[in-house]
Protein backbone atom coordinates (compact mmCIF):
# COMPACT_ATOMS: atom_id res chain seq x y z
CA UNK A 1 0.12 -0.17 0.20
CA UNK A 2 1.13 3.54 -0.82
CA UNK A 3 1.56 6.05 1.71
CA UNK A 4 0.07 9.14 0.38
CA UNK A 5 -0.30 12.84 1.37
CA UNK A 6 -3.45 14.81 0.58
CA UNK A 7 -4.40 18.34 0.68
CA UNK A 8 -7.68 19.92 0.91
CA UNK A 9 -8.68 23.36 -0.41
CA UNK A 10 -12.03 25.01 -0.12
CA UNK A 11 -13.47 26.63 -3.27
CA UNK A 12 -17.11 28.10 -4.22
CA UNK A 13 -19.00 26.81 -7.34
CA UNK A 14 -22.08 28.59 -8.79
CA UNK A 15 -24.76 27.81 -11.02
CA UNK A 16 -28.29 29.28 -12.22
CA UNK A 17 -29.26 25.62 -12.77
CA UNK A 18 -29.06 23.80 -9.56
CA UNK A 19 -26.66 23.00 -6.31
CA UNK A 20 -25.35 19.81 -8.28
CA UNK A 21 -24.49 21.86 -11.24
CA UNK A 22 -22.82 24.62 -8.95
CA UNK A 23 -20.64 21.47 -7.78
CA UNK A 24 -19.95 20.16 -11.09
CA UNK A 25 -18.68 23.62 -12.28
CA UNK A 26 -16.40 23.99 -9.01
CA UNK A 27 -14.81 20.44 -9.61
CA UNK A 28 -14.62 20.95 -13.58
CA UNK A 29 -12.77 24.25 -12.93
CA UNK A 30 -10.58 22.90 -10.14
CA UNK A 31 -9.58 19.76 -12.34
CA UNK A 32 -8.33 22.05 -15.09
CA UNK A 33 -5.42 23.42 -12.51
CA UNK A 34 -5.21 20.61 -9.90
CA UNK A 35 -4.20 17.01 -10.64
CA UNK A 36 -5.11 13.96 -8.62
CA UNK A 37 -8.59 15.03 -7.38
CA UNK A 38 -9.83 12.37 -4.99
CA UNK A 39 -12.88 13.64 -3.05
CA UNK A 40 -15.17 16.64 -2.20
CA UNK A 41 -17.37 17.61 0.72
CA UNK A 42 -20.08 19.75 0.39
CA UNK A 43 -19.70 22.37 3.16
CA UNK A 44 -22.46 25.16 2.87
CA UNK A 45 -25.19 25.73 0.16
CA UNK A 46 -26.91 29.00 -0.40
CA UNK A 47 -29.06 30.96 -3.08
CA UNK A 48 -30.35 33.98 -4.05
CA UNK A 49 -34.08 34.70 -4.63
CA UNK A 50 -36.04 36.60 -7.17
CA UNK A 51 -39.77 36.87 -7.15
CA UNK A 52 -40.24 33.93 -4.88
CA UNK A 53 -37.73 31.62 -6.89
CA UNK A 54 -34.36 30.40 -6.77
CA UNK A 55 -32.18 32.60 -8.99
CA UNK A 56 -28.76 31.37 -8.43
CA UNK A 57 -27.15 28.60 -6.60
CA UNK A 58 -23.68 29.00 -4.44
CA UNK A 59 -22.07 25.55 -3.10
CA UNK A 60 -18.95 25.87 -0.85
CA UNK A 61 -16.79 22.61 -1.28
CA UNK A 62 -13.67 21.15 0.11
CA UNK A 63 -11.60 19.11 -2.77
CA UNK A 64 -9.00 16.62 -1.59
CA UNK A 65 -6.13 15.51 -3.64
CA UNK A 66 -2.84 13.56 -3.56
CA UNK A 67 0.01 15.57 -3.51
CA UNK A 68 2.88 14.74 -5.99
CA UNK A 69 5.69 12.40 -4.05
CA UNK A 70 9.28 12.84 -5.23
């Protein structure tokens, strides 16, 4: 078994479609600049309301990834 070192970062995704889409957008963006993504955890969800309807979602997630070993 390999001994990995992990790092976690916190980011916020947003979407006009849904909270799930906000998570997907955050992961898509993170995967373009961070390698070895392994997991995520939802920390917070919030949204804005307009005329009684959800206008926009924001979801804060922590992302875990393995650090490159030398």
